[in-house]
């Protein structure tokens, strides 16, 4: 299941807010699962918390380049997959 950019931003906000209020990644993951179902793995929540702690992630928005490399989306690669 692919989450929308808005949903990802909402999750980042929740994770950031819970983290700033002293909750650990496992607890945050539990609250998200209770409220929204299993839409994010505990490993991913831990990774996002670690990024906030180390200041790697400075925004609640999804940063460009944080997904697939643009080269993987080239016309030639798309044509290979579609054939």
PDB file of N, CA and C in Angstrom:
ATOM      1  N   UNK A   1       0.843  -1.179   0.000  1.00  0.00           N
ATOM      2  CA  UNK A   1       0.000   0.000   0.000  1.00  0.00           C
ATOM      3  C   UNK A   1       0.892   1.247   0.000  1.00  0.00           C
ATOM      4  N   UNK A   2       0.711   2.078  -0.983  1.00  0.00           N
ATOM      5  CA  UNK A   2       1.476   3.323  -1.084  1.00  0.00           C
ATOM      6  C   UNK A   2       0.713   4.436  -0.387  1.00  0.00           C
ATOM      7  N   UNK A   3       1.382   5.107   0.533  1.00  0.00           N
ATOM      8  CA  UNK A   3       0.759   6.207   1.264  1.00  0.00           C
ATOM      9  C   UNK A   3       0.893   7.497   0.479  1.00  0.00           C
ATOM     10  N   UNK A   4      -0.108   8.357   0.591  1.00  0.00           N
ATOM     11  CA  UNK A   4      -0.056   9.652  -0.073  1.00  0.00           C
ATOM     12  C   UNK A   4       0.979  10.542   0.619  1.00  0.00           C
ATOM     13  N   UNK A   5       1.411  11.559  -0.081  1.00  0.00           N
ATOM     14  CA  UNK A   5       2.358  12.516   0.487  1.00  0.00           C
ATOM     15  C   UNK A   5       1.764  13.183   1.720  1.00  0.00           C
ATOM     16  N   UNK A   6       0.469  13.475   1.690  1.00  0.00           N
ATOM     17  CA  UNK A   6      -0.189  14.093   2.836  1.00  0.00           C
ATOM     18  C   UNK A   6      -0.164  13.148   4.037  1.00  0.00           C
ATOM     19  N   UNK A   7      -0.448  11.877   3.817  1.00  0.00           N
ATOM     20  CA  UNK A   7      -0.425  10.901   4.908  1.00  0.00           C
ATOM     21  C   UNK A   7       0.981  10.765   5.481  1.00  0.00           C
ATOM     22  N   UNK A   8       1.987  10.766   4.619  1.00  0.00           N
ATOM     23  CA  UNK A   8       3.369  10.683   5.092  1.00  0.00           C
ATOM     24  C   UNK A   8       3.725  11.911   5.937  1.00  0.00           C
ATOM     25  N   UNK A   9       3.278  13.080   5.512  1.00  0.00           N
ATOM     26  CA  UNK A   9       3.531  14.302   6.281  1.00  0.00           C
ATOM     27  C   UNK A   9       2.822  14.245   7.631  1.00  0.00           C
ATOM     28  N   UNK A  10       1.599  13.720   7.634  1.00  0.00           N
ATOM     29  CA  UNK A  10       0.860  13.578   8.890  1.00  0.00           C
ATOM     30  C   UNK A  10       1.578  12.608   9.835  1.00  0.00           C
ATOM     31  N   UNK A  11       2.074  11.510   9.296  1.00  0.00           N
ATOM     32  CA  UNK A  11       2.825  10.555  10.116  1.00  0.00           C
ATOM     33  C   UNK A  11       4.097  11.187  10.664  1.00  0.00           C
ATOM     34  N   UNK A  12       4.803  11.933   9.830  1.00  0.00           N
ATOM     35  CA  UNK A  12       6.011  12.623  10.293  1.00  0.00           C
ATOM     36  C   UNK A  12       5.680  13.577  11.432  1.00  0.00           C
ATOM     37  N   UNK A  13       4.561  14.296  11.299  1.00  0.00           N
ATOM     38  CA  UNK A  13       4.138  15.215  12.349  1.00  0.00           C
ATOM     39  C   UNK A  13       3.851  14.457  13.649  1.00  0.00           C
ATOM     40  N   UNK A  14       3.099  13.363  13.547  1.00  0.00           N
ATOM     41  CA  UNK A  14       2.786  12.566  14.737  1.00  0.00           C
ATOM     42  C   UNK A  14       4.054  12.030  15.399  1.00  0.00           C
ATOM     43  N   UNK A  15       4.940  11.480  14.588  1.00  0.00           N
ATOM     44  CA  UNK A  15       6.180  10.911  15.120  1.00  0.00           C
ATOM     45  C   UNK A  15       7.007  11.995  15.784  1.00  0.00           C
ATOM     46  N   UNK A  16       7.142  13.142  15.130  1.00  0.00           N
ATOM     47  CA  UNK A  16       7.903  14.260  15.683  1.00  0.00           C
ATOM     48  C   UNK A  16       7.296  14.720  17.010  1.00  0.00           C
ATOM     49  N   UNK A  17       5.969  14.888  17.032  1.00  0.00           N
ATOM     50  CA  UNK A  17       5.296  15.378  18.234  1.00  0.00           C
ATOM     51  C   UNK A  17       5.440  14.399  19.395  1.00  0.00           C
ATOM     52  N   UNK A  18       5.177  13.131  19.143  1.00  0.00           N
ATOM     53  CA  UNK A  18       5.331  12.131  20.201  1.00  0.00           C
ATOM     54  C   UNK A  18       6.784  12.069  20.689  1.00  0.00           C
ATOM     55  N   UNK A  19       7.722  12.112  19.746  1.00  0.00           N
ATOM     56  CA  UNK A  19       9.140  12.052  20.099  1.00  0.00           C
ATOM     57  C   UNK A  19       9.536  13.236  20.983  1.00  0.00           C
ATOM     58  N   UNK A  20       9.099  14.435  20.610  1.00  0.00           N
ATOM     59  CA  UNK A  20       9.421  15.631  21.388  1.00  0.00           C
ATOM     60  C   UNK A  20       8.786  15.596  22.773  1.00  0.00           C
ATOM     61  N   UNK A  21       7.746  14.788  22.945  1.00  0.00           N
ATOM     62  CA  UNK A  21       7.095  14.649  24.242  1.00  0.00           C
ATOM     63  C   UNK A  21       7.609  13.441  25.022  1.00  0.00           C
ATOM     64  N   UNK A  22       8.733  12.883  24.574  1.00  0.00           N
ATOM     65  CA  UNK A  22       9.422  11.855  25.342  1.00  0.00           C
ATOM     66  C   UNK A  22       9.034  10.417  25.070  1.00  0.00           C
ATOM     67  N   UNK A  23       8.232  10.166  24.054  1.00  0.00           N
ATOM     68  CA  UNK A  23       7.842   8.794  23.743  1.00  0.00           C
ATOM     69  C   UNK A  23       8.916   8.125  22.889  1.00  0.00           C
ATOM     70  N   UNK A  24       9.159   6.834  23.124  1.00  0.00           N
ATOM     71  CA  UNK A  24      10.132   6.107  22.301  1.00  0.00           C
ATOM     72  C   UNK A  24       9.450   5.580  21.036  1.00  0.00           C
ATOM     73  N   UNK A  25      10.248   5.089  20.105  1.00  0.00           N
ATOM     74  CA  UNK A  25       9.742   4.661  18.799  1.00  0.00           C
ATOM     75  C   UNK A  25       8.714   3.538  18.918  1.00  0.00           C
ATOM     76  N   UNK A  26       8.937   2.590  19.812  1.00  0.00           N
ATOM     77  CA  UNK A  26       8.007   1.469  19.962  1.00  0.00           C
ATOM     78  C   UNK A  26       6.638   1.954  20.436  1.00  0.00           C
ATOM     79  N   UNK A  27       6.619   2.879  21.373  1.00  0.00           N
ATOM     80  CA  UNK A  27       5.366   3.422  21.877  1.00  0.00           C
ATOM     81  C   UNK A  27       4.657   4.225  20.796  1.00  0.00           C
ATOM     82  N   UNK A  28       5.419   5.030  20.055  1.00  0.00           N
ATOM     83  CA  UNK A  28       4.850   5.820  18.961  1.00  0.00           C
ATOM     84  C   UNK A  28       4.213   4.889  17.931  1.00  0.00           C
ATOM     85  N   UNK A  29       4.927   3.831  17.567  1.00  0.00           N
ATOM     86  CA  UNK A  29       4.406   2.865  16.598  1.00  0.00           C
ATOM     87  C   UNK A  29       3.101   2.250  17.102  1.00  0.00           C
ATOM     88  N   UNK A  30       3.046   1.922  18.375  1.00  0.00           N
ATOM     89  CA  UNK A  30       1.831   1.358  18.955  1.00  0.00           C
ATOM     90  C   UNK A  30       0.650   2.309  18.858  1.00  0.00           C
ATOM     91  N   UNK A  31       0.872   3.585  19.165  1.00  0.00           N
ATOM     92  CA  UNK A  31      -0.202   4.576  19.072  1.00  0.00           C
ATOM     93  C   UNK A  31      -0.681   4.741  17.630  1.00  0.00           C
ATOM     94  N   UNK A  32       0.240   4.780  16.691  1.00  0.00           N
ATOM     95  CA  UNK A  32      -0.147   4.924  15.281  1.00  0.00           C
ATOM     96  C   UNK A  32      -0.951   3.711  14.834  1.00  0.00           C
ATOM     97  N   UNK A  33      -0.503   2.506  15.198  1.00  0.00           N
ATOM     98  CA  UNK A  33      -1.242   1.305  14.816  1.00  0.00           C
ATOM     99  C   UNK A  33      -2.635   1.281  15.419  1.00  0.00           C
ATOM    100  N   UNK A  34      -2.773   1.738  16.658  1.00  0.00           N
ATOM    101  CA  UNK A  34      -4.090   1.783  17.291  1.00  0.00           C
ATOM    102  C   UNK A  34      -5.013   2.746  16.552  1.00  0.00           C
ATOM    103  N   UNK A  35      -4.483   3.897  16.169  1.00  0.00           N
ATOM    104  CA  UNK A  35      -5.297   4.935  15.538  1.00  0.00           C
ATOM    105  C   UNK A  35      -5.553   4.690  14.053  1.00  0.00           C
ATOM    106  N   UNK A  36      -4.539   4.195  13.333  1.00  0.00           N
ATOM    107  CA  UNK A  36      -4.627   4.140  11.864  1.00  0.00           C
ATOM    108  C   UNK A  36      -4.448   2.752  11.272  1.00  0.00           C
ATOM    109  N   UNK A  37      -4.182   1.766  12.095  1.00  0.00           N
ATOM    110  CA  UNK A  37      -3.901   0.436  11.564  1.00  0.00           C
ATOM    111  C   UNK A  37      -2.427   0.307  11.226  1.00  0.00           C
ATOM    112  N   UNK A  38      -2.071  -0.784  10.639  1.00  0.00           N
ATOM    113  CA  UNK A  38      -0.669  -1.074  10.342  1.00  0.00           C
ATOM    114  C   UNK A  38      -0.242  -0.401   9.036  1.00  0.00           C
ATOM    115  N   UNK A  39      -0.049   0.921   9.095  1.00  0.00           N
ATOM    116  CA  UNK A  39       0.306   1.665   7.880  1.00  0.00           C
ATOM    117  C   UNK A  39       1.782   2.013   7.816  1.00  0.00           C
ATOM    118  N   UNK A  40       2.522   1.757   8.907  1.00  0.00           N
ATOM    119  CA  UNK A  40       3.947   2.044   8.929  1.00  0.00           C
ATOM    120  C   UNK A  40       4.615   1.020   9.840  1.00  0.00           C
ATOM    121  N   UNK A  41       5.780   0.560   9.442  1.00  0.00           N
ATOM    122  CA  UNK A  41       6.470  -0.463  10.231  1.00  0.00           C
ATOM    123  C   UNK A  41       7.152   0.155  11.446  1.00  0.00           C
ATOM    124  N   UNK A  42       7.369  -0.662  12.451  1.00  0.00           N
ATOM    125  CA  UNK A  42       8.078  -0.183  13.631  1.00  0.00           C
ATOM    126  C   UNK A  42       9.502   0.221  13.282  1.00  0.00           C
ATOM    127  N   UNK A  43      10.087  -0.484  12.330  1.00  0.00           N
ATOM    128  CA  UNK A  43      11.448  -0.157  11.883  1.00  0.00           C
ATOM    129  C   UNK A  43      11.503   1.237  11.248  1.00  0.00           C
ATOM    130  N   UNK A  44      10.497   1.567  10.447  1.00  0.00           N
ATOM    131  CA  UNK A  44      10.457   2.881   9.791  1.00  0.00           C
ATOM    132  C   UNK A  44      10.234   3.989  10.812  1.00  0.00           C
ATOM    133  N   UNK A  45       9.375   3.742  11.812  1.00  0.00           N
ATOM    134  CA  UNK A  45       9.169   4.733  12.866  1.00  0.00           C
ATOM    135  C   UNK A  45      10.488   4.992  13.583  1.00  0.00           C
ATOM    136  N   UNK A  46      11.215   3.928  13.910  1.00  0.00           N
ATOM    137  CA  UNK A  46      12.515   4.067  14.590  1.00  0.00           C
ATOM    138  C   UNK A  46      13.482   4.863  13.716  1.00  0.00           C
ATOM    139  N   UNK A  47      13.483   4.595  12.420  1.00  0.00           N
ATOM    140  CA  UNK A  47      14.371   5.308  11.500  1.00  0.00           C
ATOM    141  C   UNK A  47      14.039   6.805  11.476  1.00  0.00           C
ATOM    142  N   UNK A  48      12.768   7.146  11.433  1.00  0.00           N
ATOM    143  CA  UNK A  48      12.362   8.548  11.410  1.00  0.00           C
ATOM    144  C   UNK A  48      12.725   9.231  12.722  1.00  0.00           C
ATOM    145  N   UNK A  49      12.497   8.561  13.859  1.00  0.00           N
ATOM    146  CA  UNK A  49      12.881   9.115  15.162  1.00  0.00           C
ATOM    147  C   UNK A  49      14.385   9.381  15.183  1.00  0.00           C
ATOM    148  N   UNK A  50      15.161   8.420  14.711  1.00  0.00           N
ATOM    149  CA  UNK A  50      16.622   8.590  14.673  1.00  0.00           C
ATOM    150  C   UNK A  50      17.022   9.770  13.794  1.00  0.00           C
ATOM    151  N   UNK A  51      16.320   9.957  12.666  1.00  0.00           N
ATOM    152  CA  UNK A  51      16.618  11.087  11.780  1.00  0.00           C
ATOM    153  C   UNK A  51      16.313  12.420  12.459  1.00  0.00           C
ATOM    154  N   UNK A  52      15.220  12.495  13.216  1.00  0.00           N
ATOM    155  CA  UNK A  52      14.913  13.720  13.955  1.00  0.00           C
ATOM    156  C   UNK A  52      15.967  13.960  15.036  1.00  0.00           C
ATOM    157  N   UNK A  53      16.377  12.908  15.742  1.00  0.00           N
ATOM    158  CA  UNK A  53      17.362  13.053  16.819  1.00  0.00           C
ATOM    159  C   UNK A  53      18.704  13.541  16.297  1.00  0.00           C
ATOM    160  N   UNK A  54      19.112  13.033  15.151  1.00  0.00           N
ATOM    161  CA  UNK A  54      20.421  13.383  14.609  1.00  0.00           C
ATOM    162  C   UNK A  54      20.379  14.602  13.691  1.00  0.00           C
ATOM    163  N   UNK A  55      19.225  15.230  13.585  1.00  0.00           N
ATOM    164  CA  UNK A  55      19.009  16.411  12.738  1.00  0.00           C
ATOM    165  C   UNK A  55      19.205  16.133  11.255  1.00  0.00           C
ATOM    166  N   UNK A  56      19.164  14.859  10.859  1.00  0.00           N
ATOM    167  CA  UNK A  56      19.196  14.527   9.438  1.00  0.00           C
ATOM    168  C   UNK A  56      17.885  14.982   8.808  1.00  0.00           C
ATOM    169  N   UNK A  57      16.794  14.770   9.525  1.00  0.00           N
ATOM    170  CA  UNK A  57      15.474  15.206   9.069  1.00  0.00           C
ATOM    171  C   UNK A  57      15.157  16.494   9.808  1.00  0.00           C
ATOM    172  N   UNK A  58      15.018  17.571   9.054  1.00  0.00           N
ATOM    173  CA  UNK A  58      14.758  18.872   9.667  1.00  0.00           C
ATOM    174  C   UNK A  58      13.379  19.414   9.312  1.00  0.00           C
ATOM    175  N   UNK A  59      12.658  18.693   8.472  1.00  0.00           N
ATOM    176  CA  UNK A  59      11.350  19.138   8.027  1.00  0.00           C
ATOM    177  C   UNK A  59      10.341  18.017   8.235  1.00  0.00           C
ATOM    178  N   UNK A  60       9.099  18.384   8.401  1.00  0.00           N
ATOM    179  CA  UNK A  60       8.050  17.382   8.510  1.00  0.00           C
ATOM    180  C   UNK A  60       7.584  16.916   7.140  1.00  0.00           C
ATOM    181  N   UNK A  61       7.938  17.661   6.106  1.00  0.00           N
ATOM    182  CA  UNK A  61       7.561  17.305   4.741  1.00  0.00           C
ATOM    183  C   UNK A  61       8.546  16.288   4.180  1.00  0.00           C
ATOM    184  N   UNK A  62       8.086  15.512   3.232  1.00  0.00           N
ATOM    185  CA  UNK A  62       8.956  14.571   2.542  1.00  0.00           C
ATOM    186  C   UNK A  62       9.923  15.376   1.681  1.00  0.00           C
ATOM    187  N   UNK A  63      11.187  15.103   1.866  1.00  0.00           N
ATOM    188  CA  UNK A  63      12.190  15.846   1.104  1.00  0.00           C
ATOM    189  C   UNK A  63      12.387  15.200  -0.256  1.00  0.00           C
ATOM    190  N   UNK A  64      12.622  16.038  -1.280  1.00  0.00           N
ATOM    191  CA  UNK A  64      12.871  15.480  -2.602  1.00  0.00           C
ATOM    192  C   UNK A  64      14.149  14.658  -2.544  1.00  0.00           C
ATOM    193  N   UNK A  65      14.133  13.594  -3.297  1.00  0.00           N
ATOM    194  CA  UNK A  65      15.292  12.723  -3.295  1.00  0.00           C
ATOM    195  C   UNK A  65      15.261  11.678  -2.203  1.00  0.00           C
ATOM    196  N   UNK A  66      14.204  11.664  -1.395  1.00  0.00           N
ATOM    197  CA  UNK A  66      14.157  10.697  -0.319  1.00  0.00           C
ATOM    198  C   UNK A  66      13.447   9.418  -0.735  1.00  0.00           C
ATOM    199  N   UNK A  67      13.180   9.295  -2.006  1.00  0.00           N
ATOM    200  CA  UNK A  67      12.508   8.099  -2.499  1.00  0.00           C
ATOM    201  C   UNK A  67      13.380   7.445  -3.567  1.00  0.00           C
ATOM    202  N   UNK A  68      12.801   7.038  -4.645  1.00  0.00           N
ATOM    203  CA  UNK A  68      13.571   6.394  -5.701  1.00  0.00           C
ATOM    204  C   UNK A  68      14.474   7.399  -6.409  1.00  0.00           C
ATOM    205  N   UNK A  69      15.601   6.899  -6.854  1.00  0.00           N
ATOM    206  CA  UNK A  69      16.499   7.723  -7.654  1.00  0.00           C
ATOM    207  C   UNK A  69      15.821   8.081  -8.965  1.00  0.00           C
ATOM    208  N   UNK A  70      16.054   9.283  -9.433  1.00  0.00           N
ATOM    209  CA  UNK A  70      15.453   9.705 -10.692  1.00  0.00           C
ATOM    210  C   UNK A  70      15.878   8.801 -11.844  1.00  0.00           C
ATOM    211  N   UNK A  71      17.093   8.236 -11.771  1.00  0.00           N
ATOM    212  CA  UNK A  71      17.555   7.367 -12.851  1.00  0.00           C
ATOM    213  C   UNK A  71      16.688   6.121 -12.971  1.00  0.00           C
ATOM    214  N   UNK A  72      16.072   5.698 -11.871  1.00  0.00           N
ATOM    215  CA  UNK A  72      15.219   4.520 -11.941  1.00  0.00           C
ATOM    216  C   UNK A  72      13.913   4.827 -12.655  1.00  0.00           C
ATOM    217  N   UNK A  73      13.595   6.103 -12.809  1.00  0.00           N
ATOM    218  CA  UNK A  73      12.355   6.510 -13.466  1.00  0.00           C
ATOM    219  C   UNK A  73      12.584   7.021 -14.884  1.00  0.00           C
ATOM    220  N   UNK A  74      13.747   6.750 -15.435  1.00  0.00           N
ATOM    221  CA  UNK A  74      14.042   7.226 -16.790  1.00  0.00           C
ATOM    222  C   UNK A  74      13.125   6.534 -17.805  1.00  0.00           C
ATOM    223  N   UNK A  75      12.934   7.170 -18.948  1.00  0.00           N
ATOM    224  CA  UNK A  75      12.074   6.600 -19.984  1.00  0.00           C
ATOM    225  C   UNK A  75      12.557   5.212 -20.417  1.00  0.00           C
ATOM    226  N   UNK A  76      13.872   5.047 -20.511  1.00  0.00           N
ATOM    227  CA  UNK A  76      14.424   3.757 -20.926  1.00  0.00           C
ATOM    228  C   UNK A  76      14.101   2.673 -19.899  1.00  0.00           C
ATOM    229  N   UNK A  77      14.239   2.975 -18.622  1.00  0.00           N
ATOM    230  CA  UNK A  77      13.933   1.978 -17.588  1.00  0.00           C
ATOM    231  C   UNK A  77      12.438   1.678 -17.528  1.00  0.00           C
ATOM    232  N   UNK A  78      11.620   2.703 -17.683  1.00  0.00           N
ATOM    233  CA  UNK A  78      10.173   2.487 -17.689  1.00  0.00           C
ATOM    234  C   UNK A  78       9.783   1.601 -18.863  1.00  0.00           C
ATOM    235  N   UNK A  79      10.380   1.841 -20.041  1.00  0.00           N
ATOM    236  CA  UNK A  79      10.101   1.019 -21.237  1.00  0.00           C
ATOM    237  C   UNK A  79      10.522  -0.428 -21.001  1.00  0.00           C
ATOM    238  N   UNK A  80      11.646  -0.645 -20.331  1.00  0.00           N
ATOM    239  CA  UNK A  80      12.090  -2.020 -20.043  1.00  0.00           C
ATOM    240  C   UNK A  80      11.077  -2.753 -19.178  1.00  0.00           C
ATOM    241  N   UNK A  81      10.546  -2.070 -18.197  1.00  0.00           N
ATOM    242  CA  UNK A  81       9.576  -2.692 -17.290  1.00  0.00           C
ATOM    243  C   UNK A  81       8.261  -2.964 -18.011  1.00  0.00           C
ATOM    244  N   UNK A  82       7.836  -2.046 -18.861  1.00  0.00           N
ATOM    245  CA  UNK A  82       6.548  -2.178 -19.544  1.00  0.00           C
ATOM    246  C   UNK A  82       6.573  -3.209 -20.660  1.00  0.00           C
ATOM    247  N   UNK A  83       7.735  -3.595 -21.148  1.00  0.00           N
ATOM    248  CA  UNK A  83       7.815  -4.579 -22.252  1.00  0.00           C
ATOM    249  C   UNK A  83       7.888  -5.979 -21.760  1.00  0.00           C
TER     250      UNK A  83
END
